[in-house]
PDB file of all heavy atoms in Angstrom:
ATOM      1  N   GLN A   1       9.388   7.326   4.479  1.00  0.00           N
ATOM      2  CA  GLN A   1       9.590   5.839   4.636  1.00  0.00           C
ATOM      3  C   GLN A   1       9.550   5.288   3.211  1.00  0.00           C
ATOM      4  O   GLN A   1       8.566   5.416   2.466  1.00  0.00           O
ATOM      5  CB  GLN A   1       8.500   5.229   5.496  1.00  0.00           C
ATOM      6  CG  GLN A   1       8.316   3.741   5.332  1.00  0.00           C
ATOM      7  CD  GLN A   1       6.980   3.371   4.681  1.00  0.00           C
ATOM      8  OE1 GLN A   1       5.926   3.796   5.126  1.00  0.00           O
ATOM      9  NE2 GLN A   1       7.020   2.638   3.564  1.00  0.00           N
ATOM     10  N   THR A   2      10.644   4.727   2.784  1.00  0.00           N
ATOM     11  CA  THR A   2      10.786   4.268   1.357  1.00  0.00           C
ATOM     12  C   THR A   2       9.926   3.057   1.069  1.00  0.00           C
ATOM     13  O   THR A   2       9.478   2.313   1.909  1.00  0.00           O
ATOM     14  CB  THR A   2      12.296   3.878   1.055  1.00  0.00           C
ATOM     15  OG1 THR A   2      12.671   2.914   1.922  1.00  0.00           O
ATOM     16  CG2 THR A   2      13.134   5.151   1.246  1.00  0.00           C
ATOM     17  N   GLY A   3       9.667   2.868  -0.262  1.00  0.00           N
ATOM     18  CA  GLY A   3       8.816   1.755  -0.728  1.00  0.00           C
ATOM     19  C   GLY A   3       9.551   0.467  -0.846  1.00  0.00           C
ATOM     20  O   GLY A   3       9.970   0.090  -1.959  1.00  0.00           O
ATOM     21  N   MET A   4       9.794  -0.227   0.282  1.00  0.00           N
ATOM     22  CA  MET A   4      10.588  -1.495   0.287  1.00  0.00           C
ATOM     23  C   MET A   4       9.677  -2.660  -0.111  1.00  0.00           C
ATOM     24  O   MET A   4       8.690  -2.886   0.508  1.00  0.00           O
ATOM     25  CB  MET A   4      11.118  -1.717   1.686  1.00  0.00           C
ATOM     26  CG  MET A   4      12.106  -0.638   2.158  1.00  0.00           C
ATOM     27  SD  MET A   4      12.412  -0.793   3.961  1.00  0.00           S
ATOM     28  CE  MET A   4      10.896  -0.075   4.665  1.00  0.00           C
ATOM     29  N   GLY A   5      10.157  -3.349  -1.143  1.00  0.00           N
ATOM     30  CA  GLY A   5       9.379  -4.450  -1.641  1.00  0.00           C
ATOM     31  C   GLY A   5       9.031  -5.480  -0.588  1.00  0.00           C
ATOM     32  O   GLY A   5       9.949  -5.935   0.132  1.00  0.00           O
ATOM     33  N   TRP A   6       7.750  -5.839  -0.460  1.00  0.00           N
ATOM     34  CA  TRP A   6       7.260  -6.810   0.476  1.00  0.00           C
ATOM     35  C   TRP A   6       7.255  -6.361   1.917  1.00  0.00           C
ATOM     36  O   TRP A   6       6.807  -7.040   2.768  1.00  0.00           O
ATOM     37  CB  TRP A   6       8.027  -8.166   0.372  1.00  0.00           C
ATOM     38  CG  TRP A   6       7.968  -8.791  -0.959  1.00  0.00           C
ATOM     39  CD1 TRP A   6       9.084  -9.013  -1.816  1.00  0.00           C
ATOM     40  CD2 TRP A   6       6.797  -9.274  -1.685  1.00  0.00           C
ATOM     41  NE1 TRP A   6       8.642  -9.590  -2.975  1.00  0.00           N
ATOM     42  CE2 TRP A   6       7.259  -9.737  -2.928  1.00  0.00           C
ATOM     43  CE3 TRP A   6       5.474  -9.254  -1.375  1.00  0.00           C
ATOM     44  CZ2 TRP A   6       6.421 -10.209  -3.886  1.00  0.00           C
ATOM     45  CZ3 TRP A   6       4.560  -9.792  -2.353  1.00  0.00           C
ATOM     46  CH2 TRP A   6       5.058 -10.276  -3.582  1.00  0.00           C
ATOM     47  N   VAL A   7       7.831  -5.165   2.159  1.00  0.00           N
ATOM     48  CA  VAL A   7       7.956  -4.629   3.553  1.00  0.00           C
ATOM     49  C   VAL A   7       6.998  -3.493   3.767  1.00  0.00           C
ATOM     50  O   VAL A   7       6.274  -3.415   4.754  1.00  0.00           O
ATOM     51  CB  VAL A   7       9.366  -4.253   3.865  1.00  0.00           C
ATOM     52  CG1 VAL A   7       9.450  -3.640   5.243  1.00  0.00           C
ATOM     53  CG2 VAL A   7      10.323  -5.437   3.825  1.00  0.00           C
ATOM     54  N   SER A   8       7.005  -2.561   2.782  1.00  0.00           N
ATOM     55  CA  SER A   8       6.175  -1.382   2.996  1.00  0.00           C
ATOM     56  C   SER A   8       4.726  -1.630   2.505  1.00  0.00           C
ATOM     57  O   SER A   8       4.316  -1.162   1.446  1.00  0.00           O
ATOM     58  CB  SER A   8       6.824  -0.236   2.118  1.00  0.00           C
ATOM     59  OG  SER A   8       8.150   0.080   2.553  1.00  0.00           O
ATOM     60  N   GLY A   9       4.036  -2.304   3.365  1.00  0.00           N
ATOM     61  CA  GLY A   9       2.625  -2.526   3.096  1.00  0.00           C
ATOM     62  C   GLY A   9       1.762  -1.545   3.660  1.00  0.00           C
ATOM     63  O   GLY A   9       2.194  -0.449   4.150  1.00  0.00           O
ATOM     64  N   ALA A  10       0.441  -1.744   3.702  1.00  0.00           N
ATOM     65  CA  ALA A  10      -0.535  -0.794   4.201  1.00  0.00           C
ATOM     66  C   ALA A  10      -0.299  -0.399   5.650  1.00  0.00           C
ATOM     67  O   ALA A  10      -0.389   0.777   6.030  1.00  0.00           O
ATOM     68  CB  ALA A  10      -1.946  -1.313   4.028  1.00  0.00           C
ATOM     69  N   ARG A  11      -0.021  -1.410   6.493  1.00  0.00           N
ATOM     70  CA  ARG A  11       0.201  -1.073   7.941  1.00  0.00           C
ATOM     71  C   ARG A  11       1.358  -0.153   8.191  1.00  0.00           C
ATOM     72  O   ARG A  11       1.183   0.834   8.901  1.00  0.00           O
ATOM     73  CB  ARG A  11       0.374  -2.409   8.685  1.00  0.00           C
ATOM     74  CG  ARG A  11       0.525  -2.169  10.179  1.00  0.00           C
ATOM     75  CD  ARG A  11       0.820  -3.517  10.851  1.00  0.00           C
ATOM     76  NE  ARG A  11       1.150  -3.344  12.300  1.00  0.00           N
ATOM     77  CZ  ARG A  11       1.940  -4.140  12.950  1.00  0.00           C
ATOM     78  NH1 ARG A  11       2.545  -5.141  12.330  1.00  0.00           N
ATOM     79  NH2 ARG A  11       2.209  -3.881  14.247  1.00  0.00           N
ATOM     80  N   LEU A  12       2.505  -0.414   7.617  1.00  0.00           N
ATOM     81  CA  LEU A  12       3.655   0.426   7.874  1.00  0.00           C
ATOM     82  C   LEU A  12       3.470   1.822   7.185  1.00  0.00           C
ATOM     83  O   LEU A  12       3.836   2.802   7.821  1.00  0.00           O
ATOM     84  CB  LEU A  12       4.892  -0.238   7.242  1.00  0.00           C
ATOM     85  CG  LEU A  12       6.247   0.472   7.396  1.00  0.00           C
ATOM     86  CD1 LEU A  12       6.571   0.565   8.964  1.00  0.00           C
ATOM     87  CD2 LEU A  12       7.372  -0.267   6.659  1.00  0.00           C
ATOM     88  N   THR A  13       2.849   1.845   6.029  1.00  0.00           N
ATOM     89  CA  THR A  13       2.661   3.109   5.307  1.00  0.00           C
ATOM     90  C   THR A  13       1.750   4.008   6.127  1.00  0.00           C
ATOM     91  O   THR A  13       1.952   5.196   6.362  1.00  0.00           O
ATOM     92  CB  THR A  13       2.070   2.863   3.911  1.00  0.00           C
ATOM     93  OG1 THR A  13       2.982   2.070   3.195  1.00  0.00           O
ATOM     94  CG2 THR A  13       1.773   4.185   3.201  1.00  0.00           C
ATOM     95  N   ALA A  14       0.583   3.448   6.621  1.00  0.00           N
ATOM     96  CA  ALA A  14      -0.332   4.239   7.385  1.00  0.00           C
ATOM     97  C   ALA A  14       0.307   4.740   8.692  1.00  0.00           C
ATOM     98  O   ALA A  14       0.030   5.821   9.183  1.00  0.00           O
ATOM     99  CB  ALA A  14      -1.593   3.430   7.649  1.00  0.00           C
ATOM    100  N   ALA A  15       1.056   3.860   9.333  1.00  0.00           N
ATOM    101  CA  ALA A  15       1.664   4.227  10.604  1.00  0.00           C
ATOM    102  C   ALA A  15       2.628   5.347  10.386  1.00  0.00           C
ATOM    103  O   ALA A  15       2.717   6.343  11.284  1.00  0.00           O
ATOM    104  CB  ALA A  15       2.452   3.012  11.208  1.00  0.00           C
ATOM    105  N   THR A  16       3.404   5.374   9.343  1.00  0.00           N
ATOM    106  CA  THR A  16       4.300   6.492   9.048  1.00  0.00           C
ATOM    107  C   THR A  16       3.513   7.776   8.804  1.00  0.00           C
ATOM    108  O   THR A  16       3.882   8.850   9.262  1.00  0.00           O
ATOM    109  CB  THR A  16       5.181   6.157   7.830  1.00  0.00           C
ATOM    110  OG1 THR A  16       5.891   4.913   8.083  1.00  0.00           O
ATOM    111  CG2 THR A  16       6.205   7.264   7.574  1.00  0.00           C
ATOM    112  N   ALA A  17       2.458   7.668   7.968  1.00  0.00           N
ATOM    113  CA  ALA A  17       1.660   8.822   7.590  1.00  0.00           C
ATOM    114  C   ALA A  17       1.048   9.392   8.884  1.00  0.00           C
ATOM    115  O   ALA A  17       1.030  10.635   9.064  1.00  0.00           O
ATOM    116  CB  ALA A  17       0.599   8.449   6.633  1.00  0.00           C
ATOM    117  N   ASN A  18       0.522   8.584   9.742  1.00  0.00           N
ATOM    118  CA  ASN A  18      -0.144   9.076  10.990  1.00  0.00           C
ATOM    119  C   ASN A  18       0.864   9.653  11.954  1.00  0.00           C
ATOM    120  O   ASN A  18       0.481  10.456  12.799  1.00  0.00           O
ATOM    121  CB  ASN A  18      -0.914   7.892  11.640  1.00  0.00           C
ATOM    122  CG  ASN A  18      -2.227   7.633  10.991  1.00  0.00           C
ATOM    123  OD1 ASN A  18      -2.906   8.546  10.453  1.00  0.00           O
ATOM    124  ND2 ASN A  18      -2.600   6.331  10.920  1.00  0.00           N
ATOM    125  N   ALA A  19       2.129   9.363  11.783  1.00  0.00           N
ATOM    126  CA  ALA A  19       3.182   9.901  12.611  1.00  0.00           C
ATOM    127  C   ALA A  19       3.727  11.198  12.041  1.00  0.00           C
ATOM    128  O   ALA A  19       4.613  11.838  12.667  1.00  0.00           O
ATOM    129  CB  ALA A  19       4.319   8.885  12.780  1.00  0.00           C
ATOM    130  N   GLY A  20       3.209  11.584  10.887  1.00  0.00           N
ATOM    131  CA  GLY A  20       3.603  12.906  10.340  1.00  0.00           C
ATOM    132  C   GLY A  20       4.669  12.857   9.170  1.00  0.00           C
ATOM    133  O   GLY A  20       5.087  13.868   8.678  1.00  0.00           O
ATOM    134  N   GLY A  21       5.083  11.635   8.853  1.00  0.00           N
ATOM    135  CA  GLY A  21       5.980  11.484   7.728  1.00  0.00           C
ATOM    136  C   GLY A  21       5.247  11.038   6.473  1.00  0.00           C
ATOM    137  O   GLY A  21       4.039  11.001   6.443  1.00  0.00           O
ATOM    138  N   LEU A  22       6.002  10.771   5.448  1.00  0.00           N
ATOM    139  CA  LEU A  22       5.433  10.303   4.183  1.00  0.00           C
ATOM    140  C   LEU A  22       5.660   8.807   4.084  1.00  0.00           C
ATOM    141  O   LEU A  22       6.774   8.348   3.891  1.00  0.00           O
ATOM    142  CB  LEU A  22       6.053  11.016   2.940  1.00  0.00           C
ATOM    143  CG  LEU A  22       5.409  10.478   1.585  1.00  0.00           C
ATOM    144  CD1 LEU A  22       3.996  11.076   1.481  1.00  0.00           C
ATOM    145  CD2 LEU A  22       6.291  10.841   0.411  1.00  0.00           C
ATOM    146  N   GLY A  23       4.593   8.007   4.211  1.00  0.00           N
ATOM    147  CA  GLY A  23       4.656   6.581   4.050  1.00  0.00           C
ATOM    148  C   GLY A  23       4.476   6.233   2.576  1.00  0.00           C
ATOM    149  O   GLY A  23       3.637   6.873   1.912  1.00  0.00           O
ATOM    150  N   ILE A  24       5.153   5.213   2.071  1.00  0.00           N
ATOM    151  CA  ILE A  24       5.009   4.876   0.710  1.00  0.00           C
ATOM    152  C   ILE A  24       4.707   3.314   0.547  1.00  0.00           C
ATOM    153  O   ILE A  24       5.536   2.512   1.089  1.00  0.00           O
ATOM    154  CB  ILE A  24       6.305   5.161  -0.132  1.00  0.00           C
ATOM    155  CG1 ILE A  24       6.524   6.688  -0.089  1.00  0.00           C
ATOM    156  CG2 ILE A  24       6.142   4.664  -1.530  1.00  0.00           C
ATOM    157  CD1 ILE A  24       7.822   7.111  -0.808  1.00  0.00           C
ATOM    158  N   ILE A  25       3.648   2.977  -0.086  1.00  0.00           N
ATOM    159  CA  ILE A  25       3.294   1.597  -0.355  1.00  0.00           C
ATOM    160  C   ILE A  25       4.249   1.059  -1.406  1.00  0.00           C
ATOM    161  O   ILE A  25       4.459   1.658  -2.453  1.00  0.00           O
ATOM    162  CB  ILE A  25       1.845   1.494  -0.854  1.00  0.00           C
ATOM    163  CG1 ILE A  25       0.895   1.914   0.194  1.00  0.00           C
ATOM    164  CG2 ILE A  25       1.577   0.011  -1.259  1.00  0.00           C
ATOM    165  CD1 ILE A  25      -0.571   2.018  -0.321  1.00  0.00           C
ATOM    166  N   ALA A  26       4.808  -0.106  -1.122  1.00  0.00           N
ATOM    167  CA  ALA A  26       5.651  -0.730  -2.169  1.00  0.00           C
ATOM    168  C   ALA A  26       4.751  -1.599  -3.098  1.00  0.00           C
ATOM    169  O   ALA A  26       4.521  -2.762  -2.819  1.00  0.00           O
ATOM    170  CB  ALA A  26       6.727  -1.657  -1.523  1.00  0.00           C
ATOM    171  N   ALA A  27       4.295  -0.943  -4.177  1.00  0.00           N
ATOM    172  CA  ALA A  27       3.343  -1.698  -5.089  1.00  0.00           C
ATOM    173  C   ALA A  27       4.062  -2.474  -6.116  1.00  0.00           C
ATOM    174  O   ALA A  27       3.437  -3.308  -6.782  1.00  0.00           O
ATOM    175  CB  ALA A  27       2.427  -0.689  -5.709  1.00  0.00           C
ATOM    176  N   ALA A  28       5.365  -2.237  -6.332  1.00  0.00           N
ATOM    177  CA  ALA A  28       6.097  -2.914  -7.392  1.00  0.00           C
ATOM    178  C   ALA A  28       5.905  -4.447  -7.449  1.00  0.00           C
ATOM    179  O   ALA A  28       5.688  -4.994  -8.504  1.00  0.00           O
ATOM    180  CB  ALA A  28       7.564  -2.507  -7.350  1.00  0.00           C
TER     181      ALA A  28
END
């Protein structure tokens, strides 16, 4: 799950990780 600015926050990143993929926080 790519690091989309303002979209890839903690909730989306953790949900992807818990589903077995790689979630990425958009920190930029």
